[in-house]
PDB file of N, CA and C in Angstrom:
ATOM      1  N   MET A   1    -229.344-107.885 135.143  1.00  0.00           N
ATOM      2  CA  MET A   1    -228.393-107.174 134.341  1.00  0.00           C
ATOM      3  C   MET A   1    -228.474-105.881 133.794  1.00  0.00           C
ATOM      4  N   ALA A   2    -228.343-105.046 134.430  1.00  0.00           N
ATOM      5  CA  ALA A   2    -228.406-103.565 134.037  1.00  0.00           C
ATOM      6  C   ALA A   2    -227.373-102.857 133.138  1.00  0.00           C
ATOM      7  N   ILE A   3    -227.842-102.317 132.384  1.00  0.00           N
ATOM      8  CA  ILE A   3    -227.079-101.759 131.122  1.00  0.00           C
ATOM      9  C   ILE A   3    -226.781-100.234 131.557  1.00  0.00           C
ATOM     10  N   THR A   4    -225.411 -99.711 131.584  1.00  0.00           N
ATOM     11  CA  THR A   4    -225.341 -98.242 131.881  1.00  0.00           C
ATOM     12  C   THR A   4    -225.936 -97.442 130.655  1.00  0.00           C
ATOM     13  N   SER A   5    -225.781 -96.166 130.729  1.00  0.00           N
ATOM     14  CA  SER A   5    -226.460 -95.089 129.912  1.00  0.00           C
ATOM     15  C   SER A   5    -225.472 -95.025 128.753  1.00  0.00           C
ATOM     16  N   LYS A   6    -224.011 -95.137 128.828  1.00  0.00           N
ATOM     17  CA  LYS A   6    -223.289 -95.525 127.846  1.00  0.00           C
ATOM     18  C   LYS A   6    -223.346 -96.785 126.961  1.00  0.00           C
ATOM     19  N   GLN A   7    -223.651 -97.818 127.338  1.00  0.00           N
ATOM     20  CA  GLN A   7    -223.764 -99.137 126.799  1.00  0.00           C
ATOM     21  C   GLN A   7    -225.035 -98.819 125.981  1.00  0.00           C
ATOM     22  N   ARG A   8    -226.081 -98.223 126.761  1.00  0.00           N
ATOM     23  CA  ARG A   8    -227.493 -98.167 125.891  1.00  0.00           C
ATOM     24  C   ARG A   8    -227.383 -97.390 124.733  1.00  0.00           C
ATOM     25  N   ALA A   9    -226.217 -96.086 124.648  1.00  0.00           N
ATOM     26  CA  ALA A   9    -226.230 -95.280 123.797  1.00  0.00           C
ATOM     27  C   ALA A   9    -225.299 -96.083 122.595  1.00  0.00           C
ATOM     28  N   GLN A  10    -224.235 -96.941 123.159  1.00  0.00           N
ATOM     29  CA  GLN A  10    -223.723 -97.769 122.062  1.00  0.00           C
ATOM     30  C   GLN A  10    -224.776 -98.858 121.347  1.00  0.00           C
ATOM     31  N   LEU A  11    -225.793 -99.369 122.102  1.00  0.00           N
ATOM     32  CA  LEU A  11    -226.505-100.341 121.508  1.00  0.00           C
ATOM     33  C   LEU A  11    -227.773 -99.511 120.697  1.00  0.00           C
ATOM     34  N   ARG A  12    -227.998 -98.406 121.082  1.00  0.00           N
ATOM     35  CA  ARG A  12    -229.059 -97.524 120.145  1.00  0.00           C
ATOM     36  C   ARG A  12    -228.039 -97.182 118.844  1.00  0.00           C
ATOM     37  N   ALA A  13    -226.834 -97.160 118.740  1.00  0.00           N
ATOM     38  CA  ALA A  13    -226.198 -96.841 117.467  1.00  0.00           C
ATOM     39  C   ALA A  13    -225.947 -97.904 116.515  1.00  0.00           C
ATOM     40  N   LEU A  14    -226.045 -99.044 117.394  1.00  0.00           N
ATOM     41  CA  LEU A  14    -226.020-100.489 116.614  1.00  0.00           C
ATOM     42  C   LEU A  14    -226.919-100.622 116.183  1.00  0.00           C
ATOM     43  N   ALA A  15    -228.214-100.310 116.610  1.00  0.00           N
ATOM     44  CA  ALA A  15    -229.701-100.606 116.373  1.00  0.00           C
ATOM     45  C   ALA A  15    -230.125-100.006 115.204  1.00  0.00           C
ATOM     46  N   ALA A  16    -229.504 -98.902 115.006  1.00  0.00           N
ATOM     47  CA  ALA A  16    -229.898 -98.052 113.809  1.00  0.00           C
ATOM     48  C   ALA A  16    -229.395 -98.616 112.502  1.00  0.00           C
ATOM     49  N   ALA A  17    -228.601 -99.436 112.555  1.00  0.00           N
ATOM     50  CA  ALA A  17    -228.183-100.231 111.197  1.00  0.00           C
ATOM     51  C   ALA A  17    -229.221-101.287 110.886  1.00  0.00           C
ATOM     52  N   GLU A  18    -229.917-101.865 112.083  1.00  0.00           N
ATOM     53  CA  GLU A  18    -230.559-103.439 112.277  1.00  0.00           C
ATOM     54  C   GLU A  18    -231.791-103.218 111.373  1.00  0.00           C
ATOM     55  N   ASP A  19    -232.142-104.330 110.733  1.00  0.00           N
ATOM     56  CA  ASP A  19    -233.543-104.393 110.224  1.00  0.00           C
ATOM     57  C   ASP A  19    -234.664-104.658 111.175  1.00  0.00           C
ATOM     58  N   THR A  20    -236.016-104.401 111.016  1.00  0.00           N
ATOM     59  CA  THR A  20    -236.906-104.640 111.934  1.00  0.00           C
ATOM     60  C   THR A  20    -237.191-106.005 111.605  1.00  0.00           C
ATOM     61  N   ILE A  21    -237.234-106.684 112.760  1.00  0.00           N
ATOM     62  CA  ILE A  21    -237.298-108.486 112.341  1.00  0.00           C
ATOM     63  C   ILE A  21    -238.643-108.729 113.078  1.00  0.00           C
ATOM     64  N   ILE A  22    -239.190-107.972 113.870  1.00  0.00           N
ATOM     65  CA  ILE A  22    -240.521-108.372 114.786  1.00  0.00           C
ATOM     66  C   ILE A  22    -241.282-107.412 114.286  1.00  0.00           C
ATOM     67  N   GLN A  23    -242.661-108.105 114.340  1.00  0.00           N
ATOM     68  CA  GLN A  23    -244.037-107.234 114.083  1.00  0.00           C
ATOM     69  C   GLN A  23    -244.937-107.689 115.082  1.00  0.00           C
ATOM     70  N   VAL A  24    -245.654-106.637 115.855  1.00  0.00           N
ATOM     71  CA  VAL A  24    -246.687-107.049 116.754  1.00  0.00           C
ATOM     72  C   VAL A  24    -247.840-106.396 116.388  1.00  0.00           C
ATOM     73  N   GLY A  25    -249.086-107.234 116.009  1.00  0.00           N
ATOM     74  CA  GLY A  25    -250.087-106.646 115.442  1.00  0.00           C
ATOM     75  C   GLY A  25    -251.311-106.933 116.155  1.00  0.00           C
ATOM     76  N   LYS A  26    -252.632-107.431 115.806  1.00  0.00           N
ATOM     77  CA  LYS A  26    -253.585-107.284 116.718  1.00  0.00           C
ATOM     78  C   LYS A  26    -253.641-108.656 117.373  1.00  0.00           C
ATOM     79  N   GLY A  27    -252.858-109.541 117.329  1.00  0.00           N
ATOM     80  CA  GLY A  27    -252.758-110.818 118.255  1.00  0.00           C
ATOM     81  C   GLY A  27    -251.996-110.608 119.566  1.00  0.00           C
ATOM     82  N   GLY A  28    -251.379-109.367 119.565  1.00  0.00           N
ATOM     83  CA  GLY A  28    -250.552-108.923 120.388  1.00  0.00           C
ATOM     84  C   GLY A  28    -249.332-109.867 120.886  1.00  0.00           C
ATOM     85  N   ILE A  29    -249.182-110.158 122.291  1.00  0.00           N
ATOM     86  CA  ILE A  29    -248.100-110.916 122.580  1.00  0.00           C
ATOM     87  C   ILE A  29    -248.427-112.146 122.779  1.00  0.00           C
ATOM     88  N   THR A  30    -247.897-113.077 122.000  1.00  0.00           N
ATOM     89  CA  THR A  30    -248.389-114.626 121.942  1.00  0.00           C
ATOM     90  C   THR A  30    -247.196-115.367 122.428  1.00  0.00           C
ATOM     91  N   GLU A  31    -247.506-116.813 122.815  1.00  0.00           N
ATOM     92  CA  GLU A  31    -246.510-117.577 123.026  1.00  0.00           C
ATOM     93  C   GLU A  31    -245.613-117.848 121.943  1.00  0.00           C
ATOM     94  N   ASN A  32    -245.970-118.016 120.992  1.00  0.00           N
ATOM     95  CA  ASN A  32    -245.154-118.027 119.584  1.00  0.00           C
ATOM     96  C   ASN A  32    -244.209-116.887 119.392  1.00  0.00           C
ATOM     97  N   LEU A  33    -244.842-115.686 119.548  1.00  0.00           N
ATOM     98  CA  LEU A  33    -243.952-114.286 119.495  1.00  0.00           C
ATOM     99  C   LEU A  33    -242.704-114.192 120.355  1.00  0.00           C
ATOM    100  N   VAL A  34    -243.166-114.641 121.860  1.00  0.00           N
ATOM    101  CA  VAL A  34    -242.163-114.559 122.577  1.00  0.00           C
ATOM    102  C   VAL A  34    -240.948-115.782 122.452  1.00  0.00           C
ATOM    103  N   ALA A  35    -241.482-117.082 121.662  1.00  0.00           N
ATOM    104  CA  ALA A  35    -240.626-118.005 121.470  1.00  0.00           C
ATOM    105  C   ALA A  35    -239.666-117.278 120.293  1.00  0.00           C
ATOM    106  N   SER A  36    -240.176-116.862 119.303  1.00  0.00           N
ATOM    107  CA  SER A  36    -239.289-116.312 118.212  1.00  0.00           C
ATOM    108  C   SER A  36    -238.561-115.045 118.489  1.00  0.00           C
ATOM    109  N   VAL A  37    -238.967-114.159 119.486  1.00  0.00           N
ATOM    110  CA  VAL A  37    -238.074-113.036 119.891  1.00  0.00           C
ATOM    111  C   VAL A  37    -236.826-113.646 120.793  1.00  0.00           C
ATOM    112  N   SER A  38    -237.073-114.705 121.601  1.00  0.00           N
ATOM    113  CA  SER A  38    -235.973-115.372 122.324  1.00  0.00           C
ATOM    114  C   SER A  38    -235.086-115.991 121.496  1.00  0.00           C
ATOM    115  N   ALA A  39    -235.572-116.596 120.515  1.00  0.00           N
ATOM    116  CA  ALA A  39    -234.592-117.149 119.461  1.00  0.00           C
ATOM    117  C   ALA A  39    -233.701-116.210 118.694  1.00  0.00           C
ATOM    118  N   ALA A  40    -234.427-115.100 118.262  1.00  0.00           N
ATOM    119  CA  ALA A  40    -233.841-114.150 117.872  1.00  0.00           C
ATOM    120  C   ALA A  40    -232.815-113.233 118.450  1.00  0.00           C
ATOM    121  N   LEU A  41    -232.799-113.199 119.724  1.00  0.00           N
ATOM    122  CA  LEU A  41    -232.241-112.550 120.770  1.00  0.00           C
ATOM    123  C   LEU A  41    -231.146-113.557 121.148  1.00  0.00           C
ATOM    124  N   LYS A  42    -231.283-114.546 120.970  1.00  0.00           N
ATOM    125  CA  LYS A  42    -230.001-115.831 121.150  1.00  0.00           C
ATOM    126  C   LYS A  42    -229.215-115.393 120.303  1.00  0.00           C
ATOM    127  N   ALA A  43    -229.704-115.494 119.076  1.00  0.00           N
ATOM    128  CA  ALA A  43    -228.771-115.492 117.580  1.00  0.00           C
ATOM    129  C   ALA A  43    -228.055-114.210 117.422  1.00  0.00           C
ATOM    130  N   ARG A  44    -228.729-113.155 117.546  1.00  0.00           N
ATOM    131  CA  ARG A  44    -228.533-111.897 117.217  1.00  0.00           C
ATOM    132  C   ARG A  44    -228.128-110.953 118.403  1.00  0.00           C
ATOM    133  N   GLU A  45    -228.625-110.934 119.557  1.00  0.00           N
ATOM    134  CA  GLU A  45    -228.226-110.265 120.987  1.00  0.00           C
ATOM    135  C   GLU A  45    -229.086-109.122 120.806  1.00  0.00           C
ATOM    136  N   LEU A  46    -229.246-108.411 119.624  1.00  0.00           N
ATOM    137  CA  LEU A  46    -230.095-107.087 119.488  1.00  0.00           C
ATOM    138  C   LEU A  46    -231.128-107.128 118.277  1.00  0.00           C
ATOM    139  N   VAL A  47    -232.175-106.879 118.913  1.00  0.00           N
ATOM    140  CA  VAL A  47    -233.433-107.308 117.729  1.00  0.00           C
ATOM    141  C   VAL A  47    -234.267-105.798 117.923  1.00  0.00           C
ATOM    142  N   LYS A  48    -234.609-105.638 116.593  1.00  0.00           N
ATOM    143  CA  LYS A  48    -235.741-104.384 116.590  1.00  0.00           C
ATOM    144  C   LYS A  48    -236.934-104.831 115.875  1.00  0.00           C
ATOM    145  N   GLY A  49    -237.845-104.148 116.589  1.00  0.00           N
ATOM    146  CA  GLY A  49    -239.447-104.367 116.471  1.00  0.00           C
ATOM    147  C   GLY A  49    -240.007-103.398 116.248  1.00  0.00           C
ATOM    148  N   LYS A  50    -241.368-103.491 115.482  1.00  0.00           N
ATOM    149  CA  LYS A  50    -242.460-102.630 115.254  1.00  0.00           C
ATOM    150  C   LYS A  50    -243.725-103.002 115.819  1.00  0.00           C
ATOM    151  N   VAL A  51    -244.428-102.136 116.271  1.00  0.00           N
ATOM    152  CA  VAL A  51    -245.899-102.140 116.896  1.00  0.00           C
ATOM    153  C   VAL A  51    -246.696-101.706 115.650  1.00  0.00           C
ATOM    154  N   LEU A  52    -247.640-102.732 115.085  1.00  0.00           N
ATOM    155  CA  LEU A  52    -248.423-101.928 114.208  1.00  0.00           C
ATOM    156  C   LEU A  52    -249.576-101.527 114.674  1.00  0.00           C
ATOM    157  N   GLU A  53    -250.349-100.463 113.986  1.00  0.00           N
ATOM    158  CA  GLU A  53    -251.549 -99.789 114.407  1.00  0.00           C
ATOM    159  C   GLU A  53    -252.795-100.689 114.658  1.00  0.00           C
ATOM    160  N   SER A  54    -252.769-101.849 114.162  1.00  0.00           N
ATOM    161  CA  SER A  54    -253.832-102.967 114.730  1.00  0.00           C
ATOM    162  C   SER A  54    -253.610-103.436 115.974  1.00  0.00           C
ATOM    163  N   CYS A  55    -252.537-103.022 116.686  1.00  0.00           N
ATOM    164  CA  CYS A  55    -252.246-103.769 118.106  1.00  0.00           C
ATOM    165  C   CYS A  55    -252.829-102.579 119.072  1.00  0.00           C
ATOM    166  N   GLU A  56    -253.584-103.327 120.096  1.00  0.00           N
ATOM    167  CA  GLU A  56    -253.866-102.684 121.113  1.00  0.00           C
ATOM    168  C   GLU A  56    -253.219-101.995 122.099  1.00  0.00           C
ATOM    169  N   TRP A  57    -251.970-102.548 122.323  1.00  0.00           N
ATOM    170  CA  TRP A  57    -250.875-102.027 123.206  1.00  0.00           C
ATOM    171  C   TRP A  57    -250.053-100.959 122.549  1.00  0.00           C
ATOM    172  N   THR A  58    -249.422-100.372 123.610  1.00  0.00           N
ATOM    173  CA  THR A  58    -248.697 -98.987 123.156  1.00  0.00           C
ATOM    174  C   THR A  58    -246.959 -99.789 122.808  1.00  0.00           C
ATOM    175  N   PRO A  59    -246.192 -99.245 122.048  1.00  0.00           N
ATOM    176  CA  PRO A  59    -245.036 -99.660 121.768  1.00  0.00           C
ATOM    177  C   PRO A  59    -244.144 -99.846 123.277  1.00  0.00           C
ATOM    178  N   ARG A  60    -244.496 -98.801 124.203  1.00  0.00           N
ATOM    179  CA  ARG A  60    -243.767 -98.942 125.177  1.00  0.00           C
ATOM    180  C   ARG A  60    -244.183-100.141 126.151  1.00  0.00           C
ATOM    181  N   GLU A  61    -245.491-100.720 126.293  1.00  0.00           N
ATOM    182  CA  GLU A  61    -245.968-101.814 126.823  1.00  0.00           C
ATOM    183  C   GLU A  61    -245.860-103.023 126.197  1.00  0.00           C
ATOM    184  N   VAL A  62    -245.491-102.850 124.701  1.00  0.00           N
ATOM    185  CA  VAL A  62    -245.101-104.013 123.709  1.00  0.00           C
ATOM    186  C   VAL A  62    -243.454-104.618 124.497  1.00  0.00           C
ATOM    187  N   CYS A  63    -242.836-103.411 124.567  1.00  0.00           N
ATOM    188  CA  CYS A  63    -241.341-103.523 124.695  1.00  0.00           C
ATOM    189  C   CYS A  63    -241.139-104.207 126.022  1.00  0.00           C
ATOM    190  N   ASP A  64    -241.887-103.447 126.875  1.00  0.00           N
ATOM    191  CA  ASP A  64    -241.601-103.884 128.423  1.00  0.00           C
ATOM    192  C   ASP A  64    -241.948-105.315 128.796  1.00  0.00           C
ATOM    193  N   ALA A  65    -243.094-105.744 128.098  1.00  0.00           N
ATOM    194  CA  ALA A  65    -243.510-107.128 128.431  1.00  0.00           C
ATOM    195  C   ALA A  65    -242.832-107.986 127.821  1.00  0.00           C
ATOM    196  N   LEU A  66    -242.446-107.637 126.097  1.00  0.00           N
ATOM    197  CA  LEU A  66    -241.351-108.650 125.727  1.00  0.00           C
ATOM    198  C   LEU A  66    -239.980-108.778 126.445  1.00  0.00           C
ATOM    199  N   ALA A  67    -239.536-107.703 126.942  1.00  0.00           N
ATOM    200  CA  ALA A  67    -238.402-107.595 127.748  1.00  0.00           C
ATOM    201  C   ALA A  67    -238.311-108.625 129.006  1.00  0.00           C
ATOM    202  N   GLU A  68    -239.433-108.367 129.472  1.00  0.00           N
ATOM    203  CA  GLU A  68    -239.798-109.368 130.810  1.00  0.00           C
ATOM    204  C   GLU A  68    -239.894-110.725 130.539  1.00  0.00           C
ATOM    205  N   ALA A  69    -240.576-110.986 129.470  1.00  0.00           N
ATOM    206  CA  ALA A  69    -240.828-112.469 129.270  1.00  0.00           C
ATOM    207  C   ALA A  69    -239.623-113.248 128.712  1.00  0.00           C
ATOM    208  N   CYS A  70    -238.679-112.218 127.853  1.00  0.00           N
ATOM    209  CA  CYS A  70    -237.691-112.845 127.372  1.00  0.00           C
ATOM    210  C   CYS A  70    -236.242-112.805 128.301  1.00  0.00           C
ATOM    211  N   GLY A  71    -236.362-112.106 129.122  1.00  0.00           N
ATOM    212  CA  GLY A  71    -235.316-111.780 130.011  1.00  0.00           C
ATOM    213  C   GLY A  71    -234.305-110.961 129.384  1.00  0.00           C
ATOM    214  N   ALA A  72    -234.742-109.822 128.869  1.00  0.00           N
ATOM    215  CA  ALA A  72    -233.753-108.867 127.881  1.00  0.00           C
ATOM    216  C   ALA A  72    -234.038-107.465 128.492  1.00  0.00           C
ATOM    217  N   GLU A  73    -233.335-106.609 127.962  1.00  0.00           N
ATOM    218  CA  GLU A  73    -233.237-105.477 128.392  1.00  0.00           C
ATOM    219  C   GLU A  73    -233.857-104.473 127.265  1.00  0.00           C
ATOM    220  N   SER A  74    -234.827-103.674 127.765  1.00  0.00           N
ATOM    221  CA  SER A  74    -235.513-102.647 126.833  1.00  0.00           C
ATOM    222  C   SER A  74    -234.320-101.415 126.747  1.00  0.00           C
ATOM    223  N   VAL A  75    -233.966-101.318 125.375  1.00  0.00           N
ATOM    224  CA  VAL A  75    -232.904-100.432 124.885  1.00  0.00           C
ATOM    225  C   VAL A  75    -233.602 -99.095 124.414  1.00  0.00           C
ATOM    226  N   GLN A  76    -234.654 -99.096 123.522  1.00  0.00           N
ATOM    227  CA  GLN A  76    -235.203 -97.708 123.335  1.00  0.00           C
ATOM    228  C   GLN A  76    -236.910 -98.114 122.669  1.00  0.00           C
ATOM    229  N   VAL A  77    -237.347 -97.200 123.021  1.00  0.00           N
ATOM    230  CA  VAL A  77    -238.720 -96.976 122.082  1.00  0.00           C
ATOM    231  C   VAL A  77    -238.858 -95.692 121.377  1.00  0.00           C
ATOM    232  N   ILE A  78    -238.946 -95.763 120.017  1.00  0.00           N
ATOM    233  CA  ILE A  78    -239.058 -94.481 119.326  1.00  0.00           C
ATOM    234  C   ILE A  78    -240.348 -94.545 118.696  1.00  0.00           C
ATOM    235  N   GLY A  79    -241.275 -93.763 118.783  1.00  0.00           N
ATOM    236  CA  GLY A  79    -242.686 -94.039 117.633  1.00  0.00           C
ATOM    237  C   GLY A  79    -243.200 -95.364 117.769  1.00  0.00           C
ATOM    238  N   THR A  80    -243.299 -96.162 116.717  1.00  0.00           N
ATOM    239  CA  THR A  80    -243.893 -97.529 116.852  1.00  0.00           C
ATOM    240  C   THR A  80    -242.568 -98.465 116.916  1.00  0.00           C
ATOM    241  N   LYS A  81    -241.422 -97.951 116.786  1.00  0.00           N
ATOM    242  CA  LYS A  81    -240.435 -99.084 116.873  1.00  0.00           C
ATOM    243  C   LYS A  81    -239.737 -99.141 118.292  1.00  0.00           C
ATOM    244  N   PHE A  82    -239.187-100.453 118.603  1.00  0.00           N
ATOM    245  CA  PHE A  82    -238.429-100.607 119.937  1.00  0.00           C
ATOM    246  C   PHE A  82    -237.227-101.298 119.521  1.00  0.00           C
ATOM    247  N   VAL A  83    -236.230-101.355 120.602  1.00  0.00           N
ATOM    248  CA  VAL A  83    -235.185-102.343 120.505  1.00  0.00           C
ATOM    249  C   VAL A  83    -235.117-103.023 121.708  1.00  0.00           C
ATOM    250  N   LEU A  84    -234.622-104.315 121.485  1.00  0.00           N
ATOM    251  CA  LEU A  84    -234.324-105.265 123.046  1.00  0.00           C
ATOM    252  C   LEU A  84    -232.935-105.769 123.079  1.00  0.00           C
ATOM    253  N   TYR A  85    -232.392-106.201 123.803  1.00  0.00           N
ATOM    254  CA  TYR A  85    -230.930-106.395 124.049  1.00  0.00           C
ATOM    255  C   TYR A  85    -230.879-107.325 124.927  1.00  0.00           C
ATOM    256  N   ARG A  86    -230.346-108.731 124.843  1.00  0.00           N
ATOM    257  CA  ARG A  86    -230.127-109.905 125.811  1.00  0.00           C
ATOM    258  C   ARG A  86    -228.560-110.354 125.257  1.00  0.00           C
ATOM    259  N   ARG A  87    -227.552-110.314 126.357  1.00  0.00           N
ATOM    260  CA  ARG A  87    -226.409-110.664 126.100  1.00  0.00           C
ATOM    261  C   ARG A  87    -226.345-112.476 125.982  1.00  0.00           C
ATOM    262  N   ASN A  88    -225.900-112.996 125.068  1.00  0.00           N
ATOM    263  CA  ASN A  88    -225.618-114.289 124.798  1.00  0.00           C
ATOM    264  C   ASN A  88    -224.465-114.881 125.569  1.00  0.00           C
ATOM    265  N   GLU A  89    -224.751-115.540 126.826  1.00  0.00           N
ATOM    266  CA  GLU A  89    -223.632-115.836 127.469  1.00  0.00           C
ATOM    267  C   GLU A  89    -222.339-116.689 126.931  1.00  0.00           C
ATOM    268  N   LYS A  90    -222.935-117.698 126.062  1.00  0.00           N
ATOM    269  CA  LYS A  90    -221.823-118.559 125.616  1.00  0.00           C
ATOM    270  C   LYS A  90    -221.083-117.995 124.416  1.00  0.00           C
ATOM    271  N   GLU A  91    -221.935-117.449 123.331  1.00  0.00           N
ATOM    272  CA  GLU A  91    -221.023-116.731 122.245  1.00  0.00           C
ATOM    273  C   GLU A  91    -221.508-115.352 122.308  1.00  0.00           C
ATOM    274  N   PRO A  92    -220.908-114.381 122.981  1.00  0.00           N
ATOM    275  CA  PRO A  92    -221.258-112.958 122.638  1.00  0.00           C
ATOM    276  C   PRO A  92    -220.906-112.356 121.379  1.00  0.00           C
ATOM    277  N   LYS A  93    -221.696-111.456 120.669  1.00  0.00           N
ATOM    278  CA  LYS A  93    -221.612-110.888 119.483  1.00  0.00           C
ATOM    279  C   LYS A  93    -221.078-109.560 119.649  1.00  0.00           C
ATOM    280  N   ILE A  94    -221.714-108.722 120.723  1.00  0.00           N
ATOM    281  CA  ILE A  94    -221.565-107.447 120.993  1.00  0.00           C
ATOM    282  C   ILE A  94    -220.895-107.438 122.187  1.00  0.00           C
ATOM    283  N   ALA A  95    -219.606-106.654 121.928  1.00  0.00           N
ATOM    284  CA  ALA A  95    -218.935-106.070 123.274  1.00  0.00           C
ATOM    285  C   ALA A  95    -219.187-104.837 123.638  1.00  0.00           C
ATOM    286  N   LEU A  96    -219.908-104.708 124.835  1.00  0.00           N
ATOM    287  CA  LEU A  96    -220.265-103.464 125.286  1.00  0.00           C
ATOM    288  C   LEU A  96    -219.156-102.703 126.047  1.00  0.00           C
ATOM    289  N   VAL A  97    -219.286-101.291 126.067  1.00  0.00           N
ATOM    290  CA  VAL A  97    -218.186-100.692 126.525  1.00  0.00           C
ATOM    291  C   VAL A  97    -218.301-100.656 128.211  1.00  0.00           C
ATOM    292  N   LYS A  98    -216.868-100.716 128.642  1.00  0.00           N
ATOM    293  CA  LYS A  98    -216.920-100.749 130.070  1.00  0.00           C
ATOM    294  C   LYS A  98    -217.361 -99.472 130.712  1.00  0.00           C
ATOM    295  N   ASP A  99    -217.947 -99.593 131.982  1.00  0.00           N
ATOM    296  CA  ASP A  99    -218.147 -98.077 132.708  1.00  0.00           C
ATOM    297  C   ASP A  99    -217.017 -97.886 133.230  1.00  0.00           C
ATOM    298  N   LYS A 100    -216.493 -96.392 133.189  1.00  0.00           N
ATOM    299  CA  LYS A 100    -215.368 -96.142 133.690  1.00  0.00           C
ATOM    300  C   LYS A 100    -215.512 -95.110 134.747  1.00  0.00           C
ATOM    301  N   ARG A 101    -216.672 -95.223 135.588  1.00  0.00           N
ATOM    302  CA  ARG A 101    -216.745 -94.377 136.827  1.00  0.00           C
ATOM    303  C   ARG A 101    -215.832 -94.683 138.015  1.00  0.00           C
ATOM    304  N   LYS A 102    -215.296 -93.868 138.440  1.00  0.00           N
ATOM    305  CA  LYS A 102    -214.578 -94.217 139.719  1.00  0.00           C
ATOM    306  C   LYS A 102    -215.479 -94.445 140.977  1.00  0.00           C
ATOM    307  N   ALA A 103    -215.082 -95.698 141.497  1.00  0.00           N
ATOM    308  CA  ALA A 103    -215.670 -95.915 142.860  1.00  0.00           C
ATOM    309  C   ALA A 103    -215.289 -95.048 144.046  1.00  0.00           C
TER     310      ALA A 103
END
């Protein structure tokens, strides 16, 4: 499920208004963190997280690892914050723009 640059821009705009609900600290990425991120993605589709200074990982590493573990897309990483997106197939909440490129 690859998202286009227009869809990524749309998701970045939506994420600007979102609250940070995930914090990754010195414990790093644990099973509980992956489970809670996956549950949040199922409920919200778009989640914003923050990597604390006590974490040994960079924000990009955390974002990529969580995206892979949860089957999500990495939308953006800015400073210590990151945004993940995963479409809820049963009840989608975010309607992504269609790609209008001509084949």
